[in-house]
């Protein structure tokens, strides 16, 4: 179990984590995310699998979603270029020759 506010995630990543685990795993009053496992008869095995699952969940929550552009890359405009950038090859007109 872990408190959402203590996790090294952005607010959007925390919301994504809640979406992944489901609201039934989050206590609304305390903000604690709790996972359970009973895959194995031994508690130690279940604790180990929960640790692995928790690491994977945090990595998944921290990944940008396909709809979210990476923060370090500019958004593309309608023509598929970064906003404010010029087309490849400079700003020549069609049919204009280099050196002319």
PDB file of N, CA and C in Angstrom:
ATOM      1  N   UNK A   1       0.843  -1.176   0.000  1.00  0.00           N
ATOM      2  CA  UNK A   1       0.000   0.000   0.000  1.00  0.00           C
ATOM      3  C   UNK A   1       0.887   1.238   0.000  1.00  0.00           C
ATOM      4  N   UNK A   2       0.393   2.299  -0.609  1.00  0.00           N
ATOM      5  CA  UNK A   2       1.132   3.558  -0.668  1.00  0.00           C
ATOM      6  C   UNK A   2       0.147   4.712  -0.789  1.00  0.00           C
ATOM      7  N   UNK A   3       0.543   5.864  -0.255  1.00  0.00           N
ATOM      8  CA  UNK A   3      -0.274   7.072  -0.384  1.00  0.00           C
ATOM      9  C   UNK A   3       0.014   7.699  -1.740  1.00  0.00           C
ATOM     10  N   UNK A   4      -1.031   8.067  -2.451  1.00  0.00           N
ATOM     11  CA  UNK A   4      -0.864   8.702  -3.756  1.00  0.00           C
ATOM     12  C   UNK A   4      -0.006   9.958  -3.669  1.00  0.00           C
ATOM     13  N   UNK A   5      -0.210  10.754  -2.627  1.00  0.00           N
ATOM     14  CA  UNK A   5       0.522  12.020  -2.505  1.00  0.00           C
ATOM     15  C   UNK A   5       2.012  11.804  -2.292  1.00  0.00           C
ATOM     16  N   UNK A   6       2.421  10.636  -1.812  1.00  0.00           N
ATOM     17  CA  UNK A   6       3.835  10.352  -1.550  1.00  0.00           C
ATOM     18  C   UNK A   6       4.561   9.797  -2.781  1.00  0.00           C
ATOM     19  N   UNK A   7       3.820   9.471  -3.827  1.00  0.00           N
ATOM     20  CA  UNK A   7       4.440   8.880  -5.012  1.00  0.00           C
ATOM     21  C   UNK A   7       5.117   9.949  -5.875  1.00  0.00           C
ATOM     22  N   UNK A   8       6.251   9.606  -6.480  1.00  0.00           N
ATOM     23  CA  UNK A   8       6.971  10.571  -7.318  1.00  0.00           C
ATOM     24  C   UNK A   8       6.365  10.670  -8.723  1.00  0.00           C
ATOM     25  N   UNK A   9       5.079  10.994  -8.782  1.00  0.00           N
ATOM     26  CA  UNK A   9       4.357  11.078 -10.042  1.00  0.00           C
ATOM     27  C   UNK A   9       3.676  12.434 -10.147  1.00  0.00           C
ATOM     28  N   UNK A  10       3.429  12.873 -11.376  1.00  0.00           N
ATOM     29  CA  UNK A  10       2.652  14.086 -11.584  1.00  0.00           C
ATOM     30  C   UNK A  10       1.181  13.776 -11.273  1.00  0.00           C
ATOM     31  N   UNK A  11       0.374  14.806 -11.168  1.00  0.00           N
ATOM     32  CA  UNK A  11      -1.052  14.591 -10.902  1.00  0.00           C
ATOM     33  C   UNK A  11      -1.686  13.747 -12.003  1.00  0.00           C
ATOM     34  N   UNK A  12      -1.321  14.019 -13.258  1.00  0.00           N
ATOM     35  CA  UNK A  12      -1.864  13.255 -14.382  1.00  0.00           C
ATOM     36  C   UNK A  12      -1.440  11.788 -14.280  1.00  0.00           C
ATOM     37  N   UNK A  13      -0.202  11.523 -13.873  1.00  0.00           N
ATOM     38  CA  UNK A  13       0.272  10.153 -13.732  1.00  0.00           C
ATOM     39  C   UNK A  13      -0.432   9.447 -12.573  1.00  0.00           C
ATOM     40  N   UNK A  14      -0.717  10.172 -11.506  1.00  0.00           N
ATOM     41  CA  UNK A  14      -1.448   9.586 -10.377  1.00  0.00           C
ATOM     42  C   UNK A  14      -2.863   9.207 -10.807  1.00  0.00           C
ATOM     43  N   UNK A  15      -3.489  10.070 -11.602  1.00  0.00           N
ATOM     44  CA  UNK A  15      -4.831   9.761 -12.108  1.00  0.00           C
ATOM     45  C   UNK A  15      -4.782   8.544 -13.017  1.00  0.00           C
ATOM     46  N   UNK A  16      -3.726   8.434 -13.802  1.00  0.00           N
ATOM     47  CA  UNK A  16      -3.587   7.266 -14.679  1.00  0.00           C
ATOM     48  C   UNK A  16      -3.395   5.995 -13.850  1.00  0.00           C
ATOM     49  N   UNK A  17      -2.630   6.085 -12.773  1.00  0.00           N
ATOM     50  CA  UNK A  17      -2.437   4.940 -11.890  1.00  0.00           C
ATOM     51  C   UNK A  17      -3.774   4.476 -11.318  1.00  0.00           C
ATOM     52  N   UNK A  18      -4.599   5.423 -10.876  1.00  0.00           N
ATOM     53  CA  UNK A  18      -5.923   5.077 -10.341  1.00  0.00           C
ATOM     54  C   UNK A  18      -6.776   4.442 -11.436  1.00  0.00           C
ATOM     55  N   UNK A  19      -6.674   4.950 -12.661  1.00  0.00           N
ATOM     56  CA  UNK A  19      -7.423   4.346 -13.771  1.00  0.00           C
ATOM     57  C   UNK A  19      -6.978   2.910 -14.011  1.00  0.00           C
ATOM     58  N   UNK A  20      -5.675   2.644 -13.883  1.00  0.00           N
ATOM     59  CA  UNK A  20      -5.146   1.301 -14.139  1.00  0.00           C
ATOM     60  C   UNK A  20      -5.573   0.323 -13.052  1.00  0.00           C
ATOM     61  N   UNK A  21      -5.401   0.696 -11.772  1.00  0.00           N
ATOM     62  CA  UNK A  21      -5.715  -0.241 -10.683  1.00  0.00           C
ATOM     63  C   UNK A  21      -7.204  -0.300 -10.392  1.00  0.00           C
ATOM     64  N   UNK A  22      -7.929   0.756 -10.742  1.00  0.00           N
ATOM     65  CA  UNK A  22      -9.364   0.811 -10.471  1.00  0.00           C
ATOM     66  C   UNK A  22      -9.634   1.549  -9.179  1.00  0.00           C
ATOM     67  N   UNK A  23     -10.737   2.292  -9.143  1.00  0.00           N
ATOM     68  CA  UNK A  23     -11.052   3.096  -7.960  1.00  0.00           C
ATOM     69  C   UNK A  23     -11.306   2.259  -6.706  1.00  0.00           C
ATOM     70  N   UNK A  24     -11.645   0.982  -6.878  1.00  0.00           N
ATOM     71  CA  UNK A  24     -11.892   0.140  -5.707  1.00  0.00           C
ATOM     72  C   UNK A  24     -10.615  -0.154  -4.922  1.00  0.00           C
ATOM     73  N   UNK A  25      -9.448   0.098  -5.506  1.00  0.00           N
ATOM     74  CA  UNK A  25      -8.173  -0.122  -4.814  1.00  0.00           C
ATOM     75  C   UNK A  25      -7.656   1.139  -4.128  1.00  0.00           C
ATOM     76  N   UNK A  26      -8.410   2.236  -4.216  1.00  0.00           N
ATOM     77  CA  UNK A  26      -7.973   3.504  -3.639  1.00  0.00           C
ATOM     78  C   UNK A  26      -8.980   3.952  -2.585  1.00  0.00           C
ATOM     79  N   UNK A  27      -8.480   4.237  -1.393  1.00  0.00           N
ATOM     80  CA  UNK A  27      -9.327   4.772  -0.328  1.00  0.00           C
ATOM     81  C   UNK A  27      -9.446   6.277  -0.562  1.00  0.00           C
ATOM     82  N   UNK A  28     -10.647   6.754  -0.832  1.00  0.00           N
ATOM     83  CA  UNK A  28     -10.864   8.168  -1.144  1.00  0.00           C
ATOM     84  C   UNK A  28     -10.513   9.081   0.032  1.00  0.00           C
ATOM     85  N   UNK A  29     -10.721   8.615   1.251  1.00  0.00           N
ATOM     86  CA  UNK A  29     -10.459   9.447   2.436  1.00  0.00           C
ATOM     87  C   UNK A  29      -8.971   9.635   2.705  1.00  0.00           C
ATOM     88  N   UNK A  30      -8.198   8.571   2.536  1.00  0.00           N
ATOM     89  CA  UNK A  30      -6.773   8.630   2.871  1.00  0.00           C
ATOM     90  C   UNK A  30      -5.867   8.748   1.652  1.00  0.00           C
ATOM     91  N   UNK A  31      -6.381   8.410   0.475  1.00  0.00           N
ATOM     92  CA  UNK A  31      -5.555   8.427  -0.733  1.00  0.00           C
ATOM     93  C   UNK A  31      -4.589   7.260  -0.804  1.00  0.00           C
ATOM     94  N   UNK A  32      -4.858   6.211  -0.054  1.00  0.00           N
ATOM     95  CA  UNK A  32      -3.981   5.041  -0.033  1.00  0.00           C
ATOM     96  C   UNK A  32      -4.406   4.076  -1.143  1.00  0.00           C
ATOM     97  N   UNK A  33      -3.410   3.645  -1.928  1.00  0.00           N
ATOM     98  CA  UNK A  33      -3.625   2.624  -2.953  1.00  0.00           C
ATOM     99  C   UNK A  33      -3.212   1.292  -2.327  1.00  0.00           C
ATOM    100  N   UNK A  34      -4.120   0.331  -2.327  1.00  0.00           N
ATOM    101  CA  UNK A  34      -3.844  -0.965  -1.722  1.00  0.00           C
ATOM    102  C   UNK A  34      -4.050  -2.069  -2.752  1.00  0.00           C
ATOM    103  N   UNK A  35      -3.067  -2.927  -2.873  1.00  0.00           N
ATOM    104  CA  UNK A  35      -3.149  -4.079  -3.763  1.00  0.00           C
ATOM    105  C   UNK A  35      -3.144  -5.344  -2.926  1.00  0.00           C
ATOM    106  N   UNK A  36      -3.799  -6.385  -3.423  1.00  0.00           N
ATOM    107  CA  UNK A  36      -3.840  -7.677  -2.742  1.00  0.00           C
ATOM    108  C   UNK A  36      -3.484  -8.766  -3.737  1.00  0.00           C
ATOM    109  N   UNK A  37      -2.873  -9.830  -3.220  1.00  0.00           N
ATOM    110  CA  UNK A  37      -2.572 -10.997  -4.059  1.00  0.00           C
ATOM    111  C   UNK A  37      -2.708 -12.253  -3.217  1.00  0.00           C
ATOM    112  N   UNK A  38      -3.340 -13.262  -3.800  1.00  0.00           N
ATOM    113  CA  UNK A  38      -3.418 -14.569  -3.143  1.00  0.00           C
ATOM    114  C   UNK A  38      -3.175 -15.661  -4.188  1.00  0.00           C
ATOM    115  N   UNK A  39      -2.195 -15.387  -5.034  1.00  0.00           N
ATOM    116  CA  UNK A  39      -1.861 -16.321  -6.105  1.00  0.00           C
ATOM    117  C   UNK A  39      -1.132 -17.554  -5.570  1.00  0.00           C
ATOM    118  N   UNK A  40      -0.383 -17.370  -4.476  1.00  0.00           N
ATOM    119  CA  UNK A  40       0.430 -18.441  -3.918  1.00  0.00           C
ATOM    120  C   UNK A  40      -0.016 -18.733  -2.484  1.00  0.00           C
ATOM    121  N   UNK A  41       0.213 -19.955  -2.013  1.00  0.00           N
ATOM    122  CA  UNK A  41      -0.149 -20.261  -0.631  1.00  0.00           C
ATOM    123  C   UNK A  41       0.774 -19.563   0.384  1.00  0.00           C
ATOM    124  N   UNK A  42       1.971 -19.205  -0.031  1.00  0.00           N
ATOM    125  CA  UNK A  42       2.944 -18.594   0.869  1.00  0.00           C
ATOM    126  C   UNK A  42       2.867 -17.066   0.800  1.00  0.00           C
ATOM    127  N   UNK A  43       2.799 -16.399   1.954  1.00  0.00           N
ATOM    128  CA  UNK A  43       2.713 -14.934   2.008  1.00  0.00           C
ATOM    129  C   UNK A  43       3.923 -14.269   1.351  1.00  0.00           C
ATOM    130  N   UNK A  44       5.099 -14.863   1.525  1.00  0.00           N
ATOM    131  CA  UNK A  44       6.306 -14.267   0.949  1.00  0.00           C
ATOM    132  C   UNK A  44       6.247 -14.230  -0.576  1.00  0.00           C
ATOM    133  N   UNK A  45       5.708 -15.278  -1.167  1.00  0.00           N
ATOM    134  CA  UNK A  45       5.568 -15.297  -2.622  1.00  0.00           C
ATOM    135  C   UNK A  45       4.578 -14.225  -3.080  1.00  0.00           C
ATOM    136  N   UNK A  46       3.480 -14.103  -2.355  1.00  0.00           N
ATOM    137  CA  UNK A  46       2.490 -13.075  -2.690  1.00  0.00           C
ATOM    138  C   UNK A  46       3.082 -11.679  -2.527  1.00  0.00           C
ATOM    139  N   UNK A  47       3.882 -11.461  -1.473  1.00  0.00           N
ATOM    140  CA  UNK A  47       4.524 -10.159  -1.276  1.00  0.00           C
ATOM    141  C   UNK A  47       5.488  -9.857  -2.411  1.00  0.00           C
ATOM    142  N   UNK A  48       6.215 -10.877  -2.862  1.00  0.00           N
ATOM    143  CA  UNK A  48       7.166 -10.678  -3.965  1.00  0.00           C
ATOM    144  C   UNK A  48       6.440 -10.316  -5.257  1.00  0.00           C
ATOM    145  N   UNK A  49       5.348 -11.005  -5.545  1.00  0.00           N
ATOM    146  CA  UNK A  49       4.611 -10.705  -6.782  1.00  0.00           C
ATOM    147  C   UNK A  49       3.978  -9.324  -6.697  1.00  0.00           C
ATOM    148  N   UNK A  50       3.533  -8.910  -5.516  1.00  0.00           N
ATOM    149  CA  UNK A  50       2.978  -7.565  -5.355  1.00  0.00           C
ATOM    150  C   UNK A  50       4.049  -6.498  -5.577  1.00  0.00           C
ATOM    151  N   UNK A  51       5.256  -6.752  -5.112  1.00  0.00           N
ATOM    152  CA  UNK A  51       6.352  -5.806  -5.345  1.00  0.00           C
ATOM    153  C   UNK A  51       6.640  -5.649  -6.827  1.00  0.00           C
ATOM    154  N   UNK A  52       6.664  -6.762  -7.540  1.00  0.00           N
ATOM    155  CA  UNK A  52       6.880  -6.711  -8.994  1.00  0.00           C
ATOM    156  C   UNK A  52       5.738  -5.980  -9.691  1.00  0.00           C
ATOM    157  N   UNK A  53       4.506  -6.281  -9.264  1.00  0.00           N
ATOM    158  CA  UNK A  53       3.346  -5.624  -9.870  1.00  0.00           C
ATOM    159  C   UNK A  53       3.380  -4.124  -9.611  1.00  0.00           C
ATOM    160  N   UNK A  54       3.756  -3.729  -8.391  1.00  0.00           N
ATOM    161  CA  UNK A  54       3.798  -2.310  -8.037  1.00  0.00           C
ATOM    162  C   UNK A  54       4.808  -1.569  -8.908  1.00  0.00           C
ATOM    163  N   UNK A  55       5.992  -2.157  -9.102  1.00  0.00           N
ATOM    164  CA  UNK A  55       7.007  -1.535  -9.960  1.00  0.00           C
ATOM    165  C   UNK A  55       6.486  -1.373 -11.382  1.00  0.00           C
ATOM    166  N   UNK A  56       5.844  -2.384 -11.916  1.00  0.00           N
ATOM    167  CA  UNK A  56       5.297  -2.307 -13.276  1.00  0.00           C
ATOM    168  C   UNK A  56       4.192  -1.261 -13.373  1.00  0.00           C
ATOM    169  N   UNK A  57       3.353  -1.186 -12.356  1.00  0.00           N
ATOM    170  CA  UNK A  57       2.280  -0.188 -12.348  1.00  0.00           C
ATOM    171  C   UNK A  57       2.839   1.230 -12.346  1.00  0.00           C
ATOM    172  N   UNK A  58       3.860   1.470 -11.535  1.00  0.00           N
ATOM    173  CA  UNK A  58       4.462   2.805 -11.495  1.00  0.00           C
ATOM    174  C   UNK A  58       5.103   3.161 -12.829  1.00  0.00           C
ATOM    175  N   UNK A  59       5.784   2.203 -13.448  1.00  0.00           N
ATOM    176  CA  UNK A  59       6.380   2.466 -14.773  1.00  0.00           C
ATOM    177  C   UNK A  59       5.293   2.756 -15.806  1.00  0.00           C
ATOM    178  N   UNK A  60       4.216   1.981 -15.775  1.00  0.00           N
ATOM    179  CA  UNK A  60       3.123   2.177 -16.732  1.00  0.00           C
ATOM    180  C   UNK A  60       2.451   3.531 -16.521  1.00  0.00           C
ATOM    181  N   UNK A  61       2.220   3.907 -15.281  1.00  0.00           N
ATOM    182  CA  UNK A  61       1.577   5.189 -14.990  1.00  0.00           C
ATOM    183  C   UNK A  61       2.454   6.356 -15.422  1.00  0.00           C
ATOM    184  N   UNK A  62       3.769   6.192 -15.360  1.00  0.00           N
ATOM    185  CA  UNK A  62       4.694   7.265 -15.708  1.00  0.00           C
ATOM    186  C   UNK A  62       4.899   7.397 -17.216  1.00  0.00           C
ATOM    187  N   UNK A  63       4.514   6.392 -17.989  1.00  0.00           N
ATOM    188  CA  UNK A  63       4.665   6.446 -19.443  1.00  0.00           C
ATOM    189  C   UNK A  63       3.671   7.431 -20.039  1.00  0.00           C
ATOM    190  N   UNK A  64       4.106   8.208 -21.037  1.00  0.00           N
ATOM    191  CA  UNK A  64       3.141   9.101 -21.692  1.00  0.00           C
ATOM    192  C   UNK A  64       2.114   8.268 -22.460  1.00  0.00           C
ATOM    193  N   UNK A  65       0.882   8.720 -22.444  1.00  0.00           N
ATOM    194  CA  UNK A  65      -0.159   8.032 -23.196  1.00  0.00           C
ATOM    195  C   UNK A  65      -0.020   8.432 -24.662  1.00  0.00           C
ATOM    196  N   UNK A  66      -0.524   7.633 -25.591  1.00  0.00           N
ATOM    197  CA  UNK A  66      -0.413   7.989 -27.010  1.00  0.00           C
ATOM    198  C   UNK A  66      -1.023   9.355 -27.332  1.00  0.00           C
ATOM    199  N   UNK A  67      -2.017   9.784 -26.571  1.00  0.00           N
ATOM    200  CA  UNK A  67      -2.656  11.076 -26.826  1.00  0.00           C
ATOM    201  C   UNK A  67      -1.830  12.229 -26.276  1.00  0.00           C
ATOM    202  N   UNK A  68      -0.884  11.946 -25.365  1.00  0.00           N
ATOM    203  CA  UNK A  68      -0.061  12.990 -24.760  1.00  0.00           C
ATOM    204  C   UNK A  68       1.274  13.079 -25.479  1.00  0.00           C
ATOM    205  N   UNK A  69       1.619  14.239 -26.057  1.00  0.00           N
ATOM    206  CA  UNK A  69       2.932  14.360 -26.683  1.00  0.00           C
ATOM    207  C   UNK A  69       4.004  14.392 -25.604  1.00  0.00           C
ATOM    208  N   UNK A  70       5.185  13.836 -25.872  1.00  0.00           N
ATOM    209  CA  UNK A  70       6.262  13.916 -24.890  1.00  0.00           C
ATOM    210  C   UNK A  70       6.585  15.371 -24.578  1.00  0.00           C
ATOM    211  N   UNK A  71       6.936  15.642 -23.330  1.00  0.00           N
ATOM    212  CA  UNK A  71       7.154  17.015 -22.902  1.00  0.00           C
ATOM    213  C   UNK A  71       8.331  17.670 -23.594  1.00  0.00           C
ATOM    214  N   UNK A  72       9.334  16.897 -24.006  1.00  0.00           N
ATOM    215  CA  UNK A  72      10.520  17.487 -24.598  1.00  0.00           C
ATOM    216  C   UNK A  72      10.442  17.615 -26.116  1.00  0.00           C
ATOM    217  N   UNK A  73       9.365  17.169 -26.724  1.00  0.00           N
ATOM    218  CA  UNK A  73       9.209  17.278 -28.171  1.00  0.00           C
ATOM    219  C   UNK A  73       8.117  18.292 -28.492  1.00  0.00           C
ATOM    220  N   UNK A  74       8.353  19.139 -29.501  1.00  0.00           N
ATOM    221  CA  UNK A  74       7.330  20.122 -29.869  1.00  0.00           C
ATOM    222  C   UNK A  74       6.126  19.440 -30.489  1.00  0.00           C
ATOM    223  N   UNK A  75       4.974  20.068 -30.335  1.00  0.00           N
ATOM    224  CA  UNK A  75       3.765  19.529 -30.954  1.00  0.00           C
ATOM    225  C   UNK A  75       3.816  19.798 -32.449  1.00  0.00           C
ATOM    226  N   UNK A  76       3.266  18.903 -33.233  1.00  0.00           N
ATOM    227  CA  UNK A  76       3.273  19.055 -34.678  1.00  0.00           C
ATOM    228  C   UNK A  76       2.057  19.833 -35.133  1.00  0.00           C
ATOM    229  N   UNK A  77       2.278  20.689 -36.126  1.00  0.00           N
ATOM    230  CA  UNK A  77       1.183  21.460 -36.702  1.00  0.00           C
ATOM    231  C   UNK A  77       0.429  20.629 -37.721  1.00  0.00           C
ATOM    232  N   UNK A  78      -0.477  21.255 -38.439  1.00  0.00           N
ATOM    233  CA  UNK A  78      -1.327  20.562 -39.411  1.00  0.00           C
ATOM    234  C   UNK A  78      -0.516  19.940 -40.535  1.00  0.00           C
ATOM    235  N   UNK A  79       0.642  20.506 -40.838  1.00  0.00           N
ATOM    236  CA  UNK A  79       1.450  19.982 -41.939  1.00  0.00           C
ATOM    237  C   UNK A  79       2.468  18.948 -41.468  1.00  0.00           C
ATOM    238  N   UNK A  80       2.419  18.550 -40.196  1.00  0.00           N
ATOM    239  CA  UNK A  80       3.327  17.531 -39.702  1.00  0.00           C
ATOM    240  C   UNK A  80       4.680  18.082 -39.305  1.00  0.00           C
ATOM    241  N   UNK A  81       4.815  19.402 -39.226  1.00  0.00           N
ATOM    242  CA  UNK A  81       6.064  20.009 -38.797  1.00  0.00           C
ATOM    243  C   UNK A  81       5.865  20.622 -37.427  1.00  0.00           C
ATOM    244  N   UNK A  82       6.980  20.776 -36.705  1.00  0.00           N
ATOM    245  CA  UNK A  82       6.907  21.451 -35.412  1.00  0.00           C
ATOM    246  C   UNK A  82       6.465  22.883 -35.634  1.00  0.00           C
ATOM    247  N   UNK A  83       5.655  23.391 -34.725  1.00  0.00           N
ATOM    248  CA  UNK A  83       5.161  24.757 -34.841  1.00  0.00           C
ATOM    249  C   UNK A  83       6.327  25.720 -34.982  1.00  0.00           C
ATOM    250  N   UNK A  84       6.267  26.621 -35.962  1.00  0.00           N
ATOM    251  CA  UNK A  84       7.287  27.628 -36.170  1.00  0.00           C
ATOM    252  C   UNK A  84       8.483  27.149 -36.957  1.00  0.00           C
ATOM    253  N   UNK A  85       8.529  25.876 -37.343  1.00  0.00           N
ATOM    254  CA  UNK A  85       9.675  25.384 -38.102  1.00  0.00           C
ATOM    255  C   UNK A  85       9.420  25.558 -39.592  1.00  0.00           C
ATOM    256  N   UNK A  86      10.501  25.558 -40.354  1.00  0.00           N
ATOM    257  CA  UNK A  86      10.388  25.679 -41.805  1.00  0.00           C
ATOM    258  C   UNK A  86      10.454  24.298 -42.423  1.00  0.00           C
ATOM    259  N   UNK A  87       9.913  24.151 -43.621  1.00  0.00           N
ATOM    260  CA  UNK A  87       9.981  22.850 -44.284  1.00  0.00           C
ATOM    261  C   UNK A  87      11.427  22.480 -44.577  1.00  0.00           C
ATOM    262  N   UNK A  88      11.681  21.189 -44.726  1.00  0.00           N
ATOM    263  CA  UNK A  88      13.025  20.723 -45.058  1.00  0.00           C
ATOM    264  C   UNK A  88      13.483  21.376 -46.343  1.00  0.00           C
ATOM    265  N   UNK A  89      14.754  21.767 -46.397  1.00  0.00           N
ATOM    266  CA  UNK A  89      15.288  22.386 -47.609  1.00  0.00           C
ATOM    267  C   UNK A  89      15.114  23.891 -47.611  1.00  0.00           C
ATOM    268  N   UNK A  90      14.675  24.476 -46.533  1.00  0.00           N
ATOM    269  CA  UNK A  90      14.526  25.914 -46.472  1.00  0.00           C
ATOM    270  C   UNK A  90      13.164  26.362 -46.963  1.00  0.00           C
ATOM    271  N   UNK A  91      13.049  27.635 -47.272  1.00  0.00           N
ATOM    272  CA  UNK A  91      11.764  28.210 -47.647  1.00  0.00           C
ATOM    273  C   UNK A  91      11.694  28.509 -49.141  1.00  0.00           C
ATOM    274  N   UNK A  92      12.323  27.678 -49.948  1.00  0.00           N
ATOM    275  CA  UNK A  92      12.285  27.900 -51.404  1.00  0.00           C
ATOM    276  C   UNK A  92      10.902  27.634 -51.951  1.00  0.00           C
ATOM    277  N   UNK A  93      10.584  28.371 -53.006  1.00  0.00           N
ATOM    278  CA  UNK A  93       9.331  28.119 -53.694  1.00  0.00           C
ATOM    279  C   UNK A  93       9.481  26.891 -54.569  1.00  0.00           C
ATOM    280  N   UNK A  94       8.387  26.267 -54.872  1.00  0.00           N
ATOM    281  CA  UNK A  94       8.410  25.141 -55.812  1.00  0.00           C
ATOM    282  C   UNK A  94       8.912  25.604 -57.146  1.00  0.00           C
ATOM    283  N   UNK A  95       9.758  24.804 -57.730  1.00  0.00           N
ATOM    284  CA  UNK A  95      10.270  25.134 -59.054  1.00  0.00           C
ATOM    285  C   UNK A  95      11.490  26.034 -59.006  1.00  0.00           C
ATOM    286  N   UNK A  96      11.768  26.674 -57.877  1.00  0.00           N
ATOM    287  CA  UNK A  96      12.949  27.509 -57.774  1.00  0.00           C
ATOM    288  C   UNK A  96      14.152  26.609 -57.630  1.00  0.00           C
ATOM    289  N   UNK A  97      15.215  26.964 -58.289  1.00  0.00           N
ATOM    290  CA  UNK A  97      16.417  26.133 -58.248  1.00  0.00           C
ATOM    291  C   UNK A  97      17.382  26.720 -57.252  1.00  0.00           C
ATOM    292  N   UNK A  98      18.134  25.826 -56.631  1.00  0.00           N
ATOM    293  CA  UNK A  98      19.143  26.281 -55.683  1.00  0.00           C
ATOM    294  C   UNK A  98      20.218  27.041 -56.462  1.00  0.00           C
ATOM    295  N   UNK A  99      20.682  28.143 -55.932  1.00  0.00           N
ATOM    296  CA  UNK A  99      21.720  28.926 -56.571  1.00  0.00           C
ATOM    297  C   UNK A  99      21.171  29.886 -57.607  1.00  0.00           C
ATOM    298  N   UNK A 100      19.897  29.922 -57.861  1.00  0.00           N
ATOM    299  CA  UNK A 100      19.342  30.812 -58.870  1.00  0.00           C
ATOM    300  C   UNK A 100      18.938  32.128 -58.280  1.00  0.00           C
TER     301      UNK A 100
END
